[in-house]
Amino acid sequence: GWSFIFYTVGWYRQAPGEQRELVATV
């Protein structure tokens, strides 16, 4: 529904009992 061409995109992860953390962004 939208174009993310101008966006920074990527991945975060969250393990049980842990805070969400950055994995990789582009």
mmCIF file of all heavy atoms, coordinates in Angstrom:
data_MODEL
# 
_entry.id   MODEL 
# 
loop_
_atom_site.group_PDB 
_atom_site.id 
_atom_site.type_symbol 
_atom_site.label_atom_id 
_atom_site.label_alt_id 
_atom_site.label_comp_id 
_atom_site.label_asym_id 
_atom_site.label_entity_id 
_atom_site.label_seq_id 
_atom_site.pdbx_PDB_ins_code 
_atom_site.Cartn_x 
_atom_site.Cartn_y 
_atom_site.Cartn_z 
_atom_site.occupancy 
_atom_site.B_iso_or_equiv 
_atom_site.pdbx_formal_charge 
_atom_site.auth_seq_id 
_atom_site.auth_comp_id 
_atom_site.auth_asym_id 
_atom_site.auth_atom_id 
_atom_site.pdbx_PDB_model_num 
ATOM 1   N N   . GLY A 1 1  ? 0.779  -1.231  0.000  1.00 0.00 ? 1  GLY A N   1 
ATOM 2   C CA  . GLY A 1 1  ? 0.000  0.000   0.000  1.00 0.00 ? 1  GLY A CA  1 
ATOM 3   C C   . GLY A 1 1  ? 0.808  1.277   0.000  1.00 0.00 ? 1  GLY A C   1 
ATOM 4   O O   . GLY A 1 1  ? 0.241  2.367   0.077  1.00 0.00 ? 1  GLY A O   1 
ATOM 5   N N   . TRP A 1 2  ? 2.137  1.151   -0.070 1.00 0.00 ? 2  TRP A N   1 
ATOM 6   C CA  . TRP A 1 2  ? 2.962  2.355   -0.065 1.00 0.00 ? 2  TRP A CA  1 
ATOM 7   C C   . TRP A 1 2  ? 4.357  1.991   -0.570 1.00 0.00 ? 2  TRP A C   1 
ATOM 8   O O   . TRP A 1 2  ? 4.706  0.827   -0.652 1.00 0.00 ? 2  TRP A O   1 
ATOM 9   C CB  . TRP A 1 2  ? 3.070  2.925   1.361  1.00 0.00 ? 2  TRP A CB  1 
ATOM 10  C CG  . TRP A 1 2  ? 3.561  1.945   2.366  1.00 0.00 ? 2  TRP A CG  1 
ATOM 11  C CD1 . TRP A 1 2  ? 2.890  0.854   2.849  1.00 0.00 ? 2  TRP A CD1 1 
ATOM 12  C CD2 . TRP A 1 2  ? 4.831  1.895   2.999  1.00 0.00 ? 2  TRP A CD2 1 
ATOM 13  N NE1 . TRP A 1 2  ? 3.648  0.159   3.739  1.00 0.00 ? 2  TRP A NE1 1 
ATOM 14  C CE2 . TRP A 1 2  ? 4.847  0.777   3.866  1.00 0.00 ? 2  TRP A CE2 1 
ATOM 15  C CE3 . TRP A 1 2  ? 5.952  2.718   2.935  1.00 0.00 ? 2  TRP A CE3 1 
ATOM 16  C CZ2 . TRP A 1 2  ? 5.957  0.465   4.647  1.00 0.00 ? 2  TRP A CZ2 1 
ATOM 17  C CZ3 . TRP A 1 2  ? 7.043  2.392   3.726  1.00 0.00 ? 2  TRP A CZ3 1 
ATOM 18  C CH2 . TRP A 1 2  ? 7.037  1.273   4.564  1.00 0.00 ? 2  TRP A CH2 1 
ATOM 19  N N   . SER A 1 3  ? 5.139  2.977   -0.924 1.00 0.00 ? 3  SER A N   1 
ATOM 20  C CA  . SER A 1 3  ? 6.500  2.759   -1.395 1.00 0.00 ? 3  SER A CA  1 
ATOM 21  C C   . SER A 1 3  ? 7.478  3.172   -0.320 1.00 0.00 ? 3  SER A C   1 
ATOM 22  O O   . SER A 1 3  ? 7.379  4.259   0.231  1.00 0.00 ? 3  SER A O   1 
ATOM 23  C CB  . SER A 1 3  ? 6.760  3.586   -2.655 1.00 0.00 ? 3  SER A CB  1 
ATOM 24  O OG  . SER A 1 3  ? 8.125  3.535   -3.008 1.00 0.00 ? 3  SER A OG  1 
ATOM 25  N N   . PHE A 1 4  ? 8.429  2.281   -0.013 1.00 0.00 ? 4  PHE A N   1 
ATOM 26  C CA  . PHE A 1 4  ? 9.387  2.604   1.035  1.00 0.00 ? 4  PHE A CA  1 
ATOM 27  C C   . PHE A 1 4  ? 10.727 3.059   0.492  1.00 0.00 ? 4  PHE A C   1 
ATOM 28  O O   . PHE A 1 4  ? 11.748 2.977   1.160  1.00 0.00 ? 4  PHE A O   1 
ATOM 29  C CB  . PHE A 1 4  ? 9.548  1.471   2.040  1.00 0.00 ? 4  PHE A CB  1 
ATOM 30  C CG  . PHE A 1 4  ? 10.176 0.187   1.571  1.00 0.00 ? 4  PHE A CG  1 
ATOM 31  C CD1 . PHE A 1 4  ? 11.133 0.125   0.572  1.00 0.00 ? 4  PHE A CD1 1 
ATOM 32  C CD2 . PHE A 1 4  ? 9.814  -1.001  2.181  1.00 0.00 ? 4  PHE A CD2 1 
ATOM 33  C CE1 . PHE A 1 4  ? 11.707 -1.052  0.186  1.00 0.00 ? 4  PHE A CE1 1 
ATOM 34  C CE2 . PHE A 1 4  ? 10.393 -2.197  1.802  1.00 0.00 ? 4  PHE A CE2 1 
ATOM 35  C CZ  . PHE A 1 4  ? 11.338 -2.224  0.813  1.00 0.00 ? 4  PHE A CZ  1 
ATOM 36  N N   . ILE A 1 5  ? 10.732 3.565   -0.731 1.00 0.00 ? 5  ILE A N   1 
ATOM 37  C CA  . ILE A 1 5  ? 11.982 3.943   -1.379 1.00 0.00 ? 5  ILE A CA  1 
ATOM 38  C C   . ILE A 1 5  ? 12.767 4.977   -0.579 1.00 0.00 ? 5  ILE A C   1 
ATOM 39  O O   . ILE A 1 5  ? 13.988 4.993   -0.602 1.00 0.00 ? 5  ILE A O   1 
ATOM 40  C CB  . ILE A 1 5  ? 11.726 4.440   -2.819 1.00 0.00 ? 5  ILE A CB  1 
ATOM 41  C CG1 . ILE A 1 5  ? 13.031 4.584   -3.588 1.00 0.00 ? 5  ILE A CG1 1 
ATOM 42  C CG2 . ILE A 1 5  ? 10.940 5.751   -2.807 1.00 0.00 ? 5  ILE A CG2 1 
ATOM 43  C CD1 . ILE A 1 5  ? 12.860 4.843   -5.073 1.00 0.00 ? 5  ILE A CD1 1 
ATOM 44  N N   . PHE A 1 6  ? 12.095 5.843   0.155  1.00 0.00 ? 6  PHE A N   1 
ATOM 45  C CA  . PHE A 1 6  ? 12.789 6.882   0.921  1.00 0.00 ? 6  PHE A CA  1 
ATOM 46  C C   . PHE A 1 6  ? 13.050 6.463   2.373  1.00 0.00 ? 6  PHE A C   1 
ATOM 47  O O   . PHE A 1 6  ? 13.611 7.228   3.141  1.00 0.00 ? 6  PHE A O   1 
ATOM 48  C CB  . PHE A 1 6  ? 11.982 8.174   0.903  1.00 0.00 ? 6  PHE A CB  1 
ATOM 49  C CG  . PHE A 1 6  ? 11.839 8.772   -0.462 1.00 0.00 ? 6  PHE A CG  1 
ATOM 50  C CD1 . PHE A 1 6  ? 10.606 8.853   -1.075 1.00 0.00 ? 6  PHE A CD1 1 
ATOM 51  C CD2 . PHE A 1 6  ? 12.947 9.238   -1.153 1.00 0.00 ? 6  PHE A CD2 1 
ATOM 52  C CE1 . PHE A 1 6  ? 10.462 9.385   -2.336 1.00 0.00 ? 6  PHE A CE1 1 
ATOM 53  C CE2 . PHE A 1 6  ? 12.822 9.783   -2.417 1.00 0.00 ? 6  PHE A CE2 1 
ATOM 54  C CZ  . PHE A 1 6  ? 11.579 9.849   -3.006 1.00 0.00 ? 6  PHE A CZ  1 
ATOM 55  N N   . TYR A 1 7  ? 12.624 5.237   2.713  1.00 0.00 ? 7  TYR A N   1 
ATOM 56  C CA  . TYR A 1 7  ? 12.703 4.795   4.090  1.00 0.00 ? 7  TYR A CA  1 
ATOM 57  C C   . TYR A 1 7  ? 14.001 4.054   4.379  1.00 0.00 ? 7  TYR A C   1 
ATOM 58  O O   . TYR A 1 7  ? 14.558 3.372   3.508  1.00 0.00 ? 7  TYR A O   1 
ATOM 59  C CB  . TYR A 1 7  ? 11.551 3.840   4.411  1.00 0.00 ? 7  TYR A CB  1 
ATOM 60  C CG  . TYR A 1 7  ? 10.212 4.496   4.574  1.00 0.00 ? 7  TYR A CG  1 
ATOM 61  C CD1 . TYR A 1 7  ? 9.580  5.109   3.495  1.00 0.00 ? 7  TYR A CD1 1 
ATOM 62  C CD2 . TYR A 1 7  ? 9.545  4.472   5.792  1.00 0.00 ? 7  TYR A CD2 1 
ATOM 63  C CE1 . TYR A 1 7  ? 8.338  5.689   3.634  1.00 0.00 ? 7  TYR A CE1 1 
ATOM 64  C CE2 . TYR A 1 7  ? 8.297  5.046   5.947  1.00 0.00 ? 7  TYR A CE2 1 
ATOM 65  C CZ  . TYR A 1 7  ? 7.703  5.657   4.868  1.00 0.00 ? 7  TYR A CZ  1 
ATOM 66  O OH  . TYR A 1 7  ? 6.472  6.225   5.017  1.00 0.00 ? 7  TYR A OH  1 
ATOM 67  N N   . THR A 1 8  ? 14.475 4.170   5.615  1.00 0.00 ? 8  THR A N   1 
ATOM 68  C CA  . THR A 1 8  ? 15.416 3.194   6.144  1.00 0.00 ? 8  THR A CA  1 
ATOM 69  C C   . THR A 1 8  ? 14.592 1.969   6.541  1.00 0.00 ? 8  THR A C   1 
ATOM 70  O O   . THR A 1 8  ? 13.566 2.093   7.211  1.00 0.00 ? 8  THR A O   1 
ATOM 71  C CB  . THR A 1 8  ? 16.150 3.752   7.365  1.00 0.00 ? 8  THR A CB  1 
ATOM 72  O OG1 . THR A 1 8  ? 17.061 4.759   6.930  1.00 0.00 ? 8  THR A OG1 1 
ATOM 73  C CG2 . THR A 1 8  ? 16.937 2.660   8.080  1.00 0.00 ? 8  THR A CG2 1 
ATOM 74  N N   . VAL A 1 9  ? 15.039 0.808   6.115  1.00 0.00 ? 9  VAL A N   1 
ATOM 75  C CA  . VAL A 1 9  ? 14.319 -0.433  6.429  1.00 0.00 ? 9  VAL A CA  1 
ATOM 76  C C   . VAL A 1 9  ? 15.298 -1.428  7.028  1.00 0.00 ? 9  VAL A C   1 
ATOM 77  O O   . VAL A 1 9  ? 16.520 -1.303  6.863  1.00 0.00 ? 9  VAL A O   1 
ATOM 78  C CB  . VAL A 1 9  ? 13.648 -1.031  5.174  1.00 0.00 ? 9  VAL A CB  1 
ATOM 79  C CG1 . VAL A 1 9  ? 12.537 -0.130  4.671  1.00 0.00 ? 9  VAL A CG1 1 
ATOM 80  C CG2 . VAL A 1 9  ? 14.658 -1.287  4.070  1.00 0.00 ? 9  VAL A CG2 1 
ATOM 81  N N   . GLY A 1 10 ? 14.739 -2.403  7.726  1.00 0.00 ? 10 GLY A N   1 
ATOM 82  C CA  . GLY A 1 10 ? 15.636 -3.395  8.304  1.00 0.00 ? 10 GLY A CA  1 
ATOM 83  C C   . GLY A 1 10 ? 14.930 -4.337  9.239  1.00 0.00 ? 10 GLY A C   1 
ATOM 84  O O   . GLY A 1 10 ? 13.712 -4.551  9.150  1.00 0.00 ? 10 GLY A O   1 
ATOM 85  N N   . TRP A 1 11 ? 15.732 -4.922  10.134 1.00 0.00 ? 11 TRP A N   1 
ATOM 86  C CA  . TRP A 1 11 ? 15.258 -5.961  11.032 1.00 0.00 ? 11 TRP A CA  1 
ATOM 87  C C   . TRP A 1 11 ? 15.753 -5.724  12.451 1.00 0.00 ? 11 TRP A C   1 
ATOM 88  O O   . TRP A 1 11 ? 16.910 -5.352  12.657 1.00 0.00 ? 11 TRP A O   1 
ATOM 89  C CB  . TRP A 1 11 ? 15.766 -7.328  10.548 1.00 0.00 ? 11 TRP A CB  1 
ATOM 90  C CG  . TRP A 1 11 ? 15.254 -7.691  9.195  1.00 0.00 ? 11 TRP A CG  1 
ATOM 91  C CD1 . TRP A 1 11 ? 15.819 -7.388  7.987  1.00 0.00 ? 11 TRP A CD1 1 
ATOM 92  C CD2 . TRP A 1 11 ? 14.062 -8.423  8.911  1.00 0.00 ? 11 TRP A CD2 1 
ATOM 93  N NE1 . TRP A 1 11 ? 15.045 -7.880  6.969  1.00 0.00 ? 11 TRP A NE1 1 
ATOM 94  C CE2 . TRP A 1 11 ? 13.950 -8.522  7.507  1.00 0.00 ? 11 TRP A CE2 1 
ATOM 95  C CE3 . TRP A 1 11 ? 13.075 -9.001  9.694  1.00 0.00 ? 11 TRP A CE3 1 
ATOM 96  C CZ2 . TRP A 1 11 ? 12.907 -9.184  6.885  1.00 0.00 ? 11 TRP A CZ2 1 
ATOM 97  C CZ3 . TRP A 1 11 ? 12.025 -9.653  9.072  1.00 0.00 ? 11 TRP A CZ3 1 
ATOM 98  C CH2 . TRP A 1 11 ? 11.942 -9.743  7.682  1.00 0.00 ? 11 TRP A CH2 1 
ATOM 99  N N   . TYR A 1 12 ? 14.851 -5.964  13.372 1.00 0.00 ? 12 TYR A N   1 
ATOM 100 C CA  . TYR A 1 12 ? 15.158 -6.024  14.788 1.00 0.00 ? 12 TYR A CA  1 
ATOM 101 C C   . TYR A 1 12 ? 14.730 -7.396  15.292 1.00 0.00 ? 12 TYR A C   1 
ATOM 102 O O   . TYR A 1 12 ? 13.987 -8.096  14.618 1.00 0.00 ? 12 TYR A O   1 
ATOM 103 C CB  . TYR A 1 12 ? 14.409 -4.933  15.556 1.00 0.00 ? 12 TYR A CB  1 
ATOM 104 C CG  . TYR A 1 12 ? 15.035 -3.561  15.461 1.00 0.00 ? 12 TYR A CG  1 
ATOM 105 C CD1 . TYR A 1 12 ? 15.050 -2.864  14.260 1.00 0.00 ? 12 TYR A CD1 1 
ATOM 106 C CD2 . TYR A 1 12 ? 15.604 -2.951  16.573 1.00 0.00 ? 12 TYR A CD2 1 
ATOM 107 C CE1 . TYR A 1 12 ? 15.622 -1.608  14.161 1.00 0.00 ? 12 TYR A CE1 1 
ATOM 108 C CE2 . TYR A 1 12 ? 16.176 -1.686  16.504 1.00 0.00 ? 12 TYR A CE2 1 
ATOM 109 C CZ  . TYR A 1 12 ? 16.183 -1.021  15.287 1.00 0.00 ? 12 TYR A CZ  1 
ATOM 110 O OH  . TYR A 1 12 ? 16.749 0.229   15.208 1.00 0.00 ? 12 TYR A OH  1 
ATOM 111 N N   . ARG A 1 13 ? 15.183 -7.761  16.480 1.00 0.00 ? 13 ARG A N   1 
ATOM 112 C CA  . ARG A 1 13 ? 14.758 -9.017  17.080 1.00 0.00 ? 13 ARG A CA  1 
ATOM 113 C C   . ARG A 1 13 ? 14.597 -8.867  18.581 1.00 0.00 ? 13 ARG A C   1 
ATOM 114 O O   . ARG A 1 13 ? 15.206 -7.998  19.200 1.00 0.00 ? 13 ARG A O   1 
ATOM 115 C CB  . ARG A 1 13 ? 15.748 -10.146 16.764 1.00 0.00 ? 13 ARG A CB  1 
ATOM 116 C CG  . ARG A 1 13 ? 17.114 -9.990  17.412 1.00 0.00 ? 13 ARG A CG  1 
ATOM 117 C CD  . ARG A 1 13 ? 18.049 -11.082 16.900 1.00 0.00 ? 13 ARG A CD  1 
ATOM 118 N NE  . ARG A 1 13 ? 19.372 -10.978 17.519 1.00 0.00 ? 13 ARG A NE  1 
ATOM 119 C CZ  . ARG A 1 13 ? 20.421 -11.712 17.159 1.00 0.00 ? 13 ARG A CZ  1 
ATOM 120 N NH1 . ARG A 1 13 ? 20.303 -12.609 16.178 1.00 0.00 ? 13 ARG A NH1 1 
ATOM 121 N NH2 . ARG A 1 13 ? 21.577 -11.559 17.772 1.00 0.00 ? 13 ARG A NH2 1 
ATOM 122 N N   . GLN A 1 14 ? 13.773 -9.746  19.127 1.00 0.00 ? 14 GLN A N   1 
ATOM 123 C CA  . GLN A 1 14 ? 13.525 -9.730  20.560 1.00 0.00 ? 14 GLN A CA  1 
ATOM 124 C C   . GLN A 1 14 ? 13.434 -11.152 21.070 1.00 0.00 ? 14 GLN A C   1 
ATOM 125 O O   . GLN A 1 14 ? 12.551 -11.920 20.659 1.00 0.00 ? 14 GLN A O   1 
ATOM 126 C CB  . GLN A 1 14 ? 12.249 -8.965  20.897 1.00 0.00 ? 14 GLN A CB  1 
ATOM 127 C CG  . GLN A 1 14 ? 12.036 -8.740  22.374 1.00 0.00 ? 14 GLN A CG  1 
ATOM 128 C CD  . GLN A 1 14 ? 10.947 -7.729  22.663 1.00 0.00 ? 14 GLN A CD  1 
ATOM 129 O OE1 . GLN A 1 14 ? 10.122 -7.414  21.807 1.00 0.00 ? 14 GLN A OE1 1 
ATOM 130 N NE2 . GLN A 1 14 ? 10.949 -7.187  23.865 1.00 0.00 ? 14 GLN A NE2 1 
ATOM 131 N N   . ALA A 1 15 ? 14.366 -11.501 21.951 1.00 0.00 ? 15 ALA A N   1 
ATOM 132 C CA  . ALA A 1 15 ? 14.355 -12.807 22.589 1.00 0.00 ? 15 ALA A CA  1 
ATOM 133 C C   . ALA A 1 15 ? 13.544 -12.723 23.879 1.00 0.00 ? 15 ALA A C   1 
ATOM 134 O O   . ALA A 1 15 ? 13.369 -11.633 24.441 1.00 0.00 ? 15 ALA A O   1 
ATOM 135 C CB  . ALA A 1 15 ? 15.786 -13.246 22.887 1.00 0.00 ? 15 ALA A CB  1 
ATOM 136 N N   . PRO A 1 16 ? 13.043 -13.849 24.376 1.00 0.00 ? 16 PRO A N   1 
ATOM 137 C CA  . PRO A 1 16 ? 12.256 -13.838 25.610 1.00 0.00 ? 16 PRO A CA  1 
ATOM 138 C C   . PRO A 1 16 ? 13.026 -13.194 26.760 1.00 0.00 ? 16 PRO A C   1 
ATOM 139 O O   . PRO A 1 16 ? 14.183 -13.530 27.008 1.00 0.00 ? 16 PRO A O   1 
ATOM 140 C CB  . PRO A 1 16 ? 11.997 -15.326 25.874 1.00 0.00 ? 16 PRO A CB  1 
ATOM 141 C CG  . PRO A 1 16 ? 12.069 -15.958 24.535 1.00 0.00 ? 16 PRO A CG  1 
ATOM 142 C CD  . PRO A 1 16 ? 13.122 -15.205 23.784 1.00 0.00 ? 16 PRO A CD  1 
ATOM 143 N N   . GLY A 1 17 ? 12.383 -12.243 27.432 1.00 0.00 ? 17 GLY A N   1 
ATOM 144 C CA  . GLY A 1 17 ? 12.996 -11.594 28.573 1.00 0.00 ? 17 GLY A CA  1 
ATOM 145 C C   . GLY A 1 17 ? 14.038 -10.551 28.234 1.00 0.00 ? 17 GLY A C   1 
ATOM 146 O O   . GLY A 1 17 ? 14.677 -9.992  29.132 1.00 0.00 ? 17 GLY A O   1 
ATOM 147 N N   . GLU A 1 18 ? 14.208 -10.293 26.932 1.00 0.00 ? 18 GLU A N   1 
ATOM 148 C CA  . GLU A 1 18 ? 15.219 -9.339  26.497 1.00 0.00 ? 18 GLU A CA  1 
ATOM 149 C C   . GLU A 1 18 ? 14.563 -8.141  25.809 1.00 0.00 ? 18 GLU A C   1 
ATOM 150 O O   . GLU A 1 18 ? 13.409 -8.193  25.388 1.00 0.00 ? 18 GLU A O   1 
ATOM 151 C CB  . GLU A 1 18 ? 16.197 -10.009 25.526 1.00 0.00 ? 18 GLU A CB  1 
ATOM 152 C CG  . GLU A 1 18 ? 16.924 -11.208 26.076 1.00 0.00 ? 18 GLU A CG  1 
ATOM 153 C CD  . GLU A 1 18 ? 17.942 -10.838 27.142 1.00 0.00 ? 18 GLU A CD  1 
ATOM 154 O OE1 . GLU A 1 18 ? 18.438 -9.695  27.111 1.00 0.00 ? 18 GLU A OE1 1 
ATOM 155 O OE2 . GLU A 1 18 ? 18.219 -11.695 28.014 1.00 0.00 ? 18 GLU A OE2 1 
ATOM 156 N N   . GLN A 1 19 ? 15.329 -7.074  25.679 1.00 0.00 ? 19 GLN A N   1 
ATOM 157 C CA  . GLN A 1 19 ? 14.852 -5.912  24.938 1.00 0.00 ? 19 GLN A CA  1 
ATOM 158 C C   . GLN A 1 19 ? 15.011 -6.150  23.438 1.00 0.00 ? 19 GLN A C   1 
ATOM 159 O O   . GLN A 1 19 ? 15.843 -6.949  23.003 1.00 0.00 ? 19 GLN A O   1 
ATOM 160 C CB  . GLN A 1 19 ? 15.642 -4.662  25.352 1.00 0.00 ? 19 GLN A CB  1 
ATOM 161 C CG  . GLN A 1 19 ? 15.353 -4.173  26.752 1.00 0.00 ? 19 GLN A CG  1 
ATOM 162 C CD  . GLN A 1 19 ? 16.000 -2.829  27.054 1.00 0.00 ? 19 GLN A CD  1 
ATOM 163 O OE1 . GLN A 1 19 ? 16.994 -2.458  26.444 1.00 0.00 ? 19 GLN A OE1 1 
ATOM 164 N NE2 . GLN A 1 19 ? 15.419 -2.085  27.977 1.00 0.00 ? 19 GLN A NE2 1 
ATOM 165 N N   . ARG A 1 20 ? 14.179 -5.458  22.684 1.00 0.00 ? 20 ARG A N   1 
ATOM 166 C CA  . ARG A 1 20 ? 14.304 -5.524  21.228 1.00 0.00 ? 20 ARG A CA  1 
ATOM 167 C C   . ARG A 1 20 ? 15.640 -4.887  20.830 1.00 0.00 ? 20 ARG A C   1 
ATOM 168 O O   . ARG A 1 20 ? 16.017 -3.826  21.328 1.00 0.00 ? 20 ARG A O   1 
ATOM 169 C CB  . ARG A 1 20 ? 13.140 -4.796  20.565 1.00 0.00 ? 20 ARG A CB  1 
ATOM 170 C CG  . ARG A 1 20 ? 13.009 -5.044  19.082 1.00 0.00 ? 20 ARG A CG  1 
ATOM 171 C CD  . ARG A 1 20 ? 11.732 -4.467  18.523 1.00 0.00 ? 20 ARG A CD  1 
ATOM 172 N NE  . ARG A 1 20 ? 10.550 -5.108  19.086 1.00 0.00 ? 20 ARG A NE  1 
ATOM 173 C CZ  . ARG A 1 20 ? 9.311  -4.899  18.631 1.00 0.00 ? 20 ARG A CZ  1 
ATOM 174 N NH1 . ARG A 1 20 ? 9.100  -4.063  17.618 1.00 0.00 ? 20 ARG A NH1 1 
ATOM 175 N NH2 . ARG A 1 20 ? 8.295  -5.516  19.190 1.00 0.00 ? 20 ARG A NH2 1 
ATOM 176 N N   . GLU A 1 21 ? 16.330 -5.555  19.899 1.00 0.00 ? 21 GLU A N   1 
ATOM 177 C CA  . GLU A 1 21 ? 17.643 -5.069  19.494 1.00 0.00 ? 21 GLU A CA  1 
ATOM 178 C C   . GLU A 1 21 ? 17.765 -5.030  17.979 1.00 0.00 ? 21 GLU A C   1 
ATOM 179 O O   . GLU A 1 21 ? 17.135 -5.823  17.266 1.00 0.00 ? 21 GLU A O   1 
ATOM 180 C CB  . GLU A 1 21 ? 18.750 -5.966  20.062 1.00 0.00 ? 21 GLU A CB  1 
ATOM 181 C CG  . GLU A 1 21 ? 18.746 -7.386  19.561 1.00 0.00 ? 21 GLU A CG  1 
ATOM 182 C CD  . GLU A 1 21 ? 19.918 -8.216  20.078 1.00 0.00 ? 21 GLU A CD  1 
ATOM 183 O OE1 . GLU A 1 21 ? 20.702 -7.708  20.896 1.00 0.00 ? 21 GLU A OE1 1 
ATOM 184 O OE2 . GLU A 1 21 ? 20.054 -9.367  19.627 1.00 0.00 ? 21 GLU A OE2 1 
ATOM 185 N N   . LEU A 1 22 ? 18.604 -4.113  17.515 1.00 0.00 ? 22 LEU A N   1 
ATOM 186 C CA  . LEU A 1 22 ? 18.853 -4.006  16.081 1.00 0.00 ? 22 LEU A CA  1 
ATOM 187 C C   . LEU A 1 22 ? 19.596 -5.225  15.578 1.00 0.00 ? 22 LEU A C   1 
ATOM 188 O O   . LEU A 1 22 ? 20.528 -5.711  16.223 1.00 0.00 ? 22 LEU A O   1 
ATOM 189 C CB  . LEU A 1 22 ? 19.671 -2.739  15.799 1.00 0.00 ? 22 LEU A CB  1 
ATOM 190 C CG  . LEU A 1 22 ? 20.062 -2.457  14.365 1.00 0.00 ? 22 LEU A CG  1 
ATOM 191 C CD1 . LEU A 1 22 ? 20.042 -0.955  14.109 1.00 0.00 ? 22 LEU A CD1 1 
ATOM 192 C CD2 . LEU A 1 22 ? 21.429 -3.013  14.006 1.00 0.00 ? 22 LEU A CD2 1 
ATOM 193 N N   . VAL A 1 23 ? 19.191 -5.704  14.409 1.00 0.00 ? 23 VAL A N   1 
ATOM 194 C CA  . VAL A 1 23 ? 19.922 -6.766  13.720 1.00 0.00 ? 23 VAL A CA  1 
ATOM 195 C C   . VAL A 1 23 ? 20.670 -6.160  12.532 1.00 0.00 ? 23 VAL A C   1 
ATOM 196 O O   . VAL A 1 23 ? 21.878 -6.287  12.412 1.00 0.00 ? 23 VAL A O   1 
ATOM 197 C CB  . VAL A 1 23 ? 18.978 -7.873  13.241 1.00 0.00 ? 23 VAL A CB  1 
ATOM 198 C CG1 . VAL A 1 23 ? 19.742 -8.928  12.446 1.00 0.00 ? 23 VAL A CG1 1 
ATOM 199 C CG2 . VAL A 1 23 ? 18.255 -8.508  14.424 1.00 0.00 ? 23 VAL A CG2 1 
ATOM 200 N N   . ALA A 1 24 ? 19.921 -5.506  11.644 1.00 0.00 ? 24 ALA A N   1 
ATOM 201 C CA  . ALA A 1 24 ? 20.527 -4.896  10.459 1.00 0.00 ? 24 ALA A CA  1 
ATOM 202 C C   . ALA A 1 24 ? 19.555 -3.892  9.862  1.00 0.00 ? 24 ALA A C   1 
ATOM 203 O O   . ALA A 1 24 ? 18.338 -4.109  9.897  1.00 0.00 ? 24 ALA A O   1 
ATOM 204 C CB  . ALA A 1 24 ? 20.876 -5.949  9.413  1.00 0.00 ? 24 ALA A CB  1 
ATOM 205 N N   . THR A 1 25 ? 20.107 -2.815  9.334  1.00 0.00 ? 25 THR A N   1 
ATOM 206 C CA  . THR A 1 25 ? 19.291 -1.832  8.626  1.00 0.00 ? 25 THR A CA  1 
ATOM 207 C C   . THR A 1 25 ? 20.003 -1.410  7.345  1.00 0.00 ? 25 THR A C   1 
ATOM 208 O O   . THR A 1 25 ? 21.232 -1.507  7.237  1.00 0.00 ? 25 THR A O   1 
ATOM 209 C CB  . THR A 1 25 ? 19.017 -0.571  9.466  1.00 0.00 ? 25 THR A CB  1 
ATOM 210 O OG1 . THR A 1 25 ? 20.255 0.030   9.827  1.00 0.00 ? 25 THR A OG1 1 
ATOM 211 C CG2 . THR A 1 25 ? 18.210 -0.887  10.713 1.00 0.00 ? 25 THR A CG2 1 
ATOM 212 N N   . VAL A 1 26 ? 19.213 -0.934  6.394  1.00 0.00 ? 26 VAL A N   1 
ATOM 213 C CA  . VAL A 1 26 ? 19.769 -0.386  5.158  1.00 0.00 ? 26 VAL A CA  1 
ATOM 214 C C   . VAL A 1 26 ? 19.009 0.899   4.852  1.00 0.00 ? 26 VAL A C   1 
ATOM 215 O O   . VAL A 1 26 ? 17.780 0.910   4.830  1.00 0.00 ? 26 VAL A O   1 
ATOM 216 C CB  . VAL A 1 26 ? 19.713 -1.395  3.996  1.00 0.00 ? 26 VAL A CB  1 
ATOM 217 C CG1 . VAL A 1 26 ? 18.337 -1.988  3.793  1.00 0.00 ? 26 VAL A CG1 1 
ATOM 218 C CG2 . VAL A 1 26 ? 20.252 -0.775  2.702  1.00 0.00 ? 26 VAL A CG2 1 
# 
